[in-house]
Amino acid sequence: MALIKALMIDVDGVLVCGRPSDGKPWASNIEDDLGLSVADLQREFFTPHWNEIVLGRAVLADHLKPTLAKIAPHLSYDDFIAYWLENDARLNLELLEELRQQREAGKRVYLATNQEHIRAAHLVDTLGLGRHCDGIYYSAALGSRKPDQAFFGQVTDLSGLQADQLLLIDDTPENIVAARVCGWNAIRWQEGSSLTAALAELELEDVKDR
């Protein structure tokens, strides 16, 4: 393993974990709060359209507005977006502190995430993650998504670093496997994980392998 020079941090389930109030999924109370059926939203919007949106091939509003008009005509697009962004915004403050320490130690920190354009901008600007990282690589901007190998190849090229100098922190097993296939280092993030401890363990394994 080469010296790790950049950390690639997943967002949802790692750096951002659900509702600010309790960490539950952002749509946990959407039926009571907005009068919108989760099942209807999944069937009419997420299942047929989300993949193209998160890959940047379709515009969120172009599909969400007519969907809401069909399944929740009382609910405006702007109100839905505001509810979504506000309720999917619980920051992992402990991890942010660990990332600050890693940046001070000389490592670069990037977000590496499957996002569409509106939320990506919200994460960086409104939630302030732009202050805590050196940049963001996200699916809608790249036209590829994790766990596709194209995502990891593009990020490697854009970073200007070698694949084995990159470390993915992610909570999805498929993404961990794909990253390693592409030559990255990767650590699966779980509840209670510590970045400092994980990095120490990774370095110890490297020493043993030499």
Protein backbone atom coordinates (compact mmCIF):
# COMPACT_ATOMS: atom_id res chain seq x y z
CA MET A 1 0.00 0.00 0.00
CA ALA A 2 1.35 3.41 -0.93
CA LEU A 3 1.15 6.30 1.49
CA ILE A 4 -2.46 7.47 1.65
CA LYS A 5 -2.68 11.07 0.49
CA ALA A 6 -6.43 11.62 0.16
CA LEU A 7 -9.54 10.44 1.98
CA MET A 8 -12.69 9.99 -0.10
CA ILE A 9 -15.67 10.26 2.22
CA ASP A 10 -19.15 8.96 1.46
CA VAL A 11 -21.95 11.27 2.59
CA ASP A 12 -25.18 9.46 3.43
CA GLY A 13 -24.76 6.99 6.27
CA VAL A 14 -21.25 8.25 7.00
CA LEU A 15 -20.96 12.03 7.16
CA VAL A 16 -24.68 12.84 7.06
CA CYS A 17 -27.05 10.56 8.95
CA GLY A 18 -30.74 11.32 8.64
CA ARG A 19 -32.82 13.89 10.49
CA PRO A 20 -31.06 16.51 12.62
CA SER A 21 -33.46 15.85 15.51
CA ASP A 22 -33.03 12.09 15.88
CA GLY A 23 -31.02 10.58 13.01
CA LYS A 24 -34.00 8.71 11.58
CA PRO A 25 -34.48 8.57 7.77
CA TRP A 26 -35.52 11.93 6.37
CA ALA A 27 -38.91 10.70 5.14
CA SER A 28 -39.89 8.91 8.37
CA ASN A 29 -42.79 11.30 9.05
CA ILE A 30 -43.45 12.59 5.55
CA GLU A 31 -46.97 11.20 5.38
CA ASP A 32 -48.00 13.03 8.57
CA ASP A 33 -46.00 16.17 7.80
CA LEU A 34 -46.74 16.61 4.09
CA GLY A 35 -49.63 14.26 3.36
CA LEU A 36 -47.48 12.37 0.86
CA SER A 37 -47.44 8.58 0.60
CA VAL A 38 -43.94 7.11 0.69
CA ALA A 39 -45.14 4.16 -1.36
CA ASP A 40 -46.55 6.47 -4.03
CA LEU A 41 -43.34 8.52 -4.09
CA GLN A 42 -41.23 5.41 -4.48
CA ARG A 43 -43.40 3.95 -7.24
CA GLU A 44 -43.99 7.13 -9.24
CA PHE A 45 -40.69 8.95 -8.76
CA PHE A 46 -37.72 7.12 -7.28
CA THR A 47 -38.08 3.76 -9.02
CA PRO A 48 -38.53 5.08 -12.59
CA HIS A 49 -36.50 8.29 -12.47
CA TRP A 50 -33.93 8.50 -9.67
CA ASN A 51 -31.10 6.63 -11.36
CA GLU A 52 -31.11 8.96 -14.36
CA ILE A 53 -31.32 12.01 -12.08
CA VAL A 54 -28.44 10.93 -9.85
CA LEU A 55 -26.35 10.27 -12.95
CA GLY A 56 -27.01 13.78 -14.22
CA ARG A 57 -28.92 12.57 -17.25
CA ALA A 58 -32.26 14.03 -16.14
CA VAL A 59 -33.27 17.17 -14.25
CA LEU A 60 -34.84 16.64 -10.84
CA ALA A 61 -37.61 19.20 -11.32
CA ASP A 62 -38.61 17.80 -14.70
CA HIS A 63 -39.73 14.55 -13.08
CA LEU A 64 -40.55 15.59 -9.53
CA LYS A 65 -42.97 18.41 -10.39
CA PRO A 66 -45.33 16.28 -12.51
CA THR A 67 -45.06 13.43 -9.99
CA LEU A 68 -46.16 15.70 -7.14
CA ALA A 69 -48.97 17.11 -9.28
CA LYS A 70 -50.18 13.53 -9.73
CA ILE A 71 -49.80 12.03 -6.25
CA ALA A 72 -49.88 15.11 -3.97
CA PRO A 73 -51.38 18.10 -5.81
CA HIS A 74 -51.60 20.06 -2.55
CA LEU A 75 -47.79 19.98 -2.16
CA SER A 76 -45.49 22.35 -4.02
CA TYR A 77 -42.14 21.34 -5.47
CA ASP A 78 -40.35 24.01 -3.40
CA ASP A 79 -41.93 22.83 -0.15
CA PHE A 80 -40.96 19.23 -0.88
CA ILE A 81 -37.36 20.16 -1.65
CA ALA A 82 -37.09 22.28 1.49
CA TYR A 83 -38.48 19.45 3.62
CA TRP A 84 -36.08 16.92 2.09
CA LEU A 85 -32.96 19.03 2.48
CA GLU A 86 -33.78 20.15 6.02
CA ASN A 87 -34.54 16.63 7.20
CA ASP A 88 -31.58 14.88 5.59
CA ALA A 89 -28.92 16.92 7.32
CA ARG A 90 -27.65 15.42 10.59
CA LEU A 91 -23.88 15.94 10.53
CA ASN A 92 -21.46 13.45 12.07
CA LEU A 93 -19.57 15.99 14.16
CA GLU A 94 -17.13 13.42 15.55
CA LEU A 95 -16.07 12.38 12.07
CA LEU A 96 -15.78 16.01 10.98
CA GLU A 97 -13.35 16.58 13.83
CA GLU A 98 -11.30 13.54 12.81
CA LEU A 99 -11.24 14.80 9.22
CA ARG A 100 -10.03 18.20 10.44
CA GLN A 101 -7.16 16.48 12.18
CA GLN A 102 -6.30 14.50 9.06
CA ARG A 103 -6.26 17.66 6.93
CA GLU A 104 -3.99 19.35 9.46
CA ALA A 105 -1.70 16.32 9.18
CA GLY A 106 -1.45 16.88 5.43
CA LYS A 107 -4.06 14.56 3.94
CA ARG A 108 -6.60 15.86 1.46
CA VAL A 109 -10.26 15.21 2.17
CA TYR A 110 -12.93 14.93 -0.52
CA LEU A 111 -16.59 13.98 -0.58
CA ALA A 112 -17.18 11.01 -2.88
CA THR A 113 -20.91 10.48 -3.17
CA ASN A 114 -23.92 9.58 -5.26
CA GLN A 115 -25.89 12.86 -5.41
CA GLU A 116 -27.90 14.97 -7.79
CA HIS A 117 -26.98 18.61 -8.33
CA ILE A 118 -29.33 20.39 -5.91
CA ARG A 119 -28.42 18.39 -2.84
CA ALA A 120 -24.73 18.35 -3.73
CA ALA A 121 -24.75 22.14 -3.69
CA HIS A 122 -26.75 22.14 -0.46
CA LEU A 123 -24.22 19.84 1.22
CA VAL A 124 -21.28 22.00 0.24
CA ASP A 125 -22.78 25.46 0.71
CA THR A 126 -25.71 25.39 3.13
CA LEU A 127 -24.56 22.57 5.41
CA GLY A 128 -21.05 23.93 5.15
CA LEU A 129 -19.23 20.75 4.21
CA GLY A 130 -17.22 22.79 1.73
CA ARG A 131 -15.34 24.22 4.70
CA HIS A 132 -14.37 20.75 5.84
CA CYS A 133 -13.10 19.28 2.58
CA ASP A 134 -10.96 20.03 -0.44
CA GLY A 135 -13.68 19.27 -2.96
CA ILE A 136 -16.55 17.00 -3.93
CA TYR A 137 -16.81 14.24 -6.52
CA TYR A 138 -20.44 13.35 -7.08
CA SER A 139 -22.32 11.16 -9.51
CA ALA A 140 -24.46 13.72 -11.33
CA ALA A 141 -21.38 15.79 -12.18
CA LEU A 142 -19.35 12.76 -13.26
CA GLY A 143 -22.06 10.84 -15.10
CA SER A 144 -21.16 7.70 -13.17
CA ARG A 145 -22.02 6.41 -9.72
CA LYS A 146 -20.70 4.07 -7.09
CA PRO A 147 -20.22 1.13 -7.30
CA ASP A 148 -19.52 1.47 -11.05
CA GLN A 149 -15.80 1.22 -11.73
CA ALA A 150 -16.08 4.28 -14.00
CA PHE A 151 -16.76 6.41 -10.91
CA PHE A 152 -13.56 5.32 -9.22
CA GLY A 153 -11.54 5.69 -12.40
CA GLN A 154 -12.77 9.22 -13.00
CA VAL A 155 -12.12 10.29 -9.41
CA THR A 156 -8.62 8.82 -9.54
CA ASP A 157 -7.85 10.79 -12.69
CA LEU A 158 -9.33 14.02 -11.35
CA SER A 159 -7.50 13.74 -8.04
CA GLY A 160 -4.12 13.61 -9.78
CA LEU A 161 -3.10 10.82 -7.41
CA GLN A 162 -2.50 7.11 -7.82
CA ALA A 163 -5.34 4.74 -6.95
CA ASP A 164 -3.43 3.23 -4.03
CA GLN A 165 -2.97 6.70 -2.53
CA LEU A 166 -6.74 7.04 -2.11
CA LEU A 167 -8.86 5.74 0.76
CA LEU A 168 -12.64 5.36 0.53
CA ILE A 169 -14.71 5.58 3.71
CA ASP A 170 -18.15 4.16 2.87
CA ASP A 171 -20.98 2.27 4.55
CA THR A 172 -22.04 0.24 1.50
CA PRO A 173 -20.26 -3.12 1.06
CA GLU A 174 -20.60 -3.07 -2.74
CA ASN A 175 -18.79 0.25 -2.89
CA ILE A 176 -15.97 -1.07 -0.72
CA VAL A 177 -15.50 -4.07 -3.01
CA ALA A 178 -15.57 -1.93 -6.16
CA ALA A 179 -13.08 0.57 -4.77
CA ARG A 180 -10.61 -2.19 -3.92
CA VAL A 181 -11.00 -3.74 -7.37
CA CYS A 182 -10.01 -0.34 -8.78
CA GLY A 183 -6.87 -0.25 -6.64
CA TRP A 184 -8.14 2.00 -3.87
CA ASN A 185 -7.86 1.37 -0.18
CA ALA A 186 -11.28 1.17 1.45
CA ILE A 187 -12.77 1.01 4.93
CA ARG A 188 -16.37 0.10 5.63
CA TRP A 189 -17.97 2.62 7.95
CA GLN A 190 -20.40 1.35 10.56
CA GLU A 191 -22.14 2.85 13.55
CA GLY A 192 -19.54 3.50 16.20
CA SER A 193 -16.65 3.51 13.73
CA SER A 194 -13.61 5.69 14.42
CA LEU A 195 -11.59 7.06 11.51
CA THR A 196 -8.48 7.39 13.65
CA ALA A 197 -8.70 3.77 14.79
CA ALA A 198 -9.45 2.53 11.27
CA LEU A 199 -6.45 4.37 9.84
CA ALA A 200 -4.20 2.98 12.56
CA GLU A 201 -5.40 -0.55 11.80
CA LEU A 202 -4.84 -0.03 8.08
CA GLU A 203 -1.29 1.18 8.69
CA LEU A 204 -0.61 -1.81 10.97
CA GLU A 205 -1.80 -4.22 8.28
CA ASP A 206 0.50 -2.50 5.81
CA VAL A 207 3.48 -2.97 8.11
CA LYS A 208 2.66 -6.66 8.53
CA ASP A 209 2.44 -7.12 4.75
CA ARG A 210 5.88 -5.66 4.10
